[in-house]
C-alpha atoms as a PDB file:
ATOM      1  CA  MET A   1      -5.034  -3.262 -13.896  1.00  0.00           C
ATOM      2  CA  SER A   2      -6.747  -2.296 -10.284  1.00  0.00           C
ATOM      3  CA  LYS A   3      -5.473   0.407  -8.271  1.00  0.00           C
ATOM      4  CA  TYR A   4      -5.334   0.239  -4.543  1.00  0.00           C
ATOM      5  CA  ALA A   5      -5.228   2.703  -2.056  1.00  0.00           C
ATOM      6  CA  VAL A   6      -1.733   3.322  -0.127  1.00  0.00           C
ATOM      7  CA  VAL A   7      -1.215   5.007   2.828  1.00  0.00           C
ATOM      8  CA  ILE A   8       2.195   6.320   3.655  1.00  0.00           C
ATOM      9  CA  ASP A   9       3.380   7.400   7.112  1.00  0.00           C
ATOM     10  CA  SER A  10       6.558   9.205   8.116  1.00  0.00           C
ATOM     11  CA  ALA A  11       8.457   7.080  10.387  1.00  0.00           C
ATOM     12  CA  GLY A  12      11.114   9.345  11.755  1.00  0.00           C
ATOM     13  CA  PRO A  13      14.068   8.976   9.201  1.00  0.00           C
ATOM     14  CA  ASN A  14      12.109   6.947   6.834  1.00  0.00           C
ATOM     15  CA  TYR A  15       8.814   6.207   5.265  1.00  0.00           C
ATOM     16  CA  CYS A  16       6.262   3.397   6.059  1.00  0.00           C
ATOM     17  CA  ALA A  17       3.690   2.356   3.533  1.00  0.00           C
ATOM     18  CA  TYR A  18       0.746  -0.045   3.800  1.00  0.00           C
ATOM     19  CA  VAL A  19      -2.317  -1.243   1.573  1.00  0.00           C
ATOM     20  CA  PRO A  20      -5.945  -1.398   3.656  1.00  0.00           C
ATOM     21  CA  ASP A  21      -7.385  -3.848   1.160  1.00  0.00           C
ATOM     22  CA  LEU A  22      -4.685  -5.864   1.459  1.00  0.00           C
ATOM     23  CA  PRO A  23      -3.886  -6.956   4.953  1.00  0.00           C
ATOM     24  CA  GLY A  24      -0.391  -7.739   5.734  1.00  0.00           C
ATOM     25  CA  CYS A  25       1.045  -5.751   2.195  1.00  0.00           C
ATOM     26  CA  VAL A  26       3.632  -3.146   4.025  1.00  0.00           C
ATOM     27  CA  SER A  27       6.710  -1.776   3.017  1.00  0.00           C
ATOM     28  CA  ALA A  28       9.254   0.921   3.763  1.00  0.00           C
ATOM     29  CA  GLY A  29      11.849   3.393   2.066  1.00  0.00           C
ATOM     30  CA  TYR A  30      13.926   6.263   3.096  1.00  0.00           C
ATOM     31  CA  THR A  31      12.557   8.648   0.396  1.00  0.00           C
ATOM     32  CA  LEU A  32       8.776   8.935  -0.985  1.00  0.00           C
ATOM     33  CA  GLU A  33      10.259   7.908  -4.279  1.00  0.00           C
ATOM     34  CA  GLU A  34      12.035   4.371  -2.532  1.00  0.00           C
ATOM     35  CA  VAL A  35       8.786   3.825  -0.591  1.00  0.00           C
ATOM     36  CA  THR A  36       6.344   4.036  -3.671  1.00  0.00           C
ATOM     37  CA  ALA A  37       8.614   1.716  -6.064  1.00  0.00           C
ATOM     38  CA  ASN A  38       8.749  -0.606  -2.993  1.00  0.00           C
ATOM     39  CA  ILE A  39       4.794  -0.619  -2.062  1.00  0.00           C
ATOM     40  CA  GLN A  40       4.451  -1.051  -5.971  1.00  0.00           C
ATOM     41  CA  GLU A  41       6.572  -4.132  -5.802  1.00  0.00           C
ATOM     42  CA  ALA A  42       5.069  -5.593  -2.679  1.00  0.00           C
ATOM     43  CA  ILE A  43       1.695  -5.285  -4.085  1.00  0.00           C
ATOM     44  CA  ALA A  44       2.816  -7.158  -7.155  1.00  0.00           C
ATOM     45  CA  ILE A  45       4.283 -10.050  -4.780  1.00  0.00           C
ATOM     46  CA  HIS A  46       1.281 -10.036  -2.352  1.00  0.00           C
ATOM     47  CA  ILE A  47      -1.456 -10.551  -5.262  1.00  0.00           C
ATOM     48  CA  GLU A  48       0.814 -13.109  -6.620  1.00  0.00           C
ATOM     49  CA  SER A  49       1.156 -14.995  -3.536  1.00  0.00           C
ATOM     50  CA  LEU A  50      -2.364 -15.295  -2.820  1.00  0.00           C
ATOM     51  CA  ILE A  51      -3.063 -16.236  -6.297  1.00  0.00           C
ATOM     52  CA  GLU A  52      -0.400 -18.957  -5.946  1.00  0.00           C
ATOM     53  CA  HIS A  53      -2.050 -20.203  -2.682  1.00  0.00           C
ATOM     54  CA  GLY A  54      -5.305 -20.661  -4.037  1.00  0.00           C
ATOM     55  CA  GLU A  55      -6.715 -17.350  -2.219  1.00  0.00           C
ATOM     56  CA  ASP A  56      -9.025 -14.654  -3.335  1.00  0.00           C
ATOM     57  CA  VAL A  57      -7.578 -11.484  -4.290  1.00  0.00           C
ATOM     58  CA  PRO A  58      -9.615  -8.433  -2.402  1.00  0.00           C
ATOM     59  CA  GLN A  59     -10.658  -5.786  -4.709  1.00  0.00           C
ATOM     60  CA  PRO A  60      -9.775  -2.141  -4.177  1.00  0.00           C
ATOM     61  CA  SER A  61     -12.500  -0.662  -2.051  1.00  0.00           C
ATOM     62  CA  SER A  62     -10.580   1.842   0.262  1.00  0.00           C
ATOM     63  CA  GLN A  63     -10.688   5.414  -0.832  1.00  0.00           C
ATOM     64  CA  VAL A  64      -8.438   8.018  -0.069  1.00  0.00           C
ATOM     65  CA  LEU A  65      -9.828  11.739   1.027  1.00  0.00           C
ATOM     66  CA  LEU A  66      -7.644  14.905   1.994  1.00  0.00           C
ATOM     67  CA  VAL A  67      -9.557  17.202   4.385  1.00  0.00           C
ATOM     68  CA  ASP A  68      -8.725  20.280   5.291  1.00  0.00           C
ATOM     69  CA  ALA A  69      -9.150  20.479   9.229  1.00  0.00           C
ATOM     70  CA  ASP A  70      -9.491  24.490   8.903  1.00  0.00           C
ATOM     71  CA  SER A  71     -12.881  25.078   9.731  1.00  0.00           C
END
């Protein structure tokens, strides 16, 4: 099982998530729990679609790093 980096942004009253290694794989939800569940489902559907269309499934390569902005 591959693990993909997911970026979650606050988008006003909800959250938006996308997967840098899977262009076009996005989702949204009103809570962090909802957007997390939704993006997991979106990843599975996205990969399934790539396979069905005979396209290569990109391997995870993005990394997430939280950096403290204080000097």
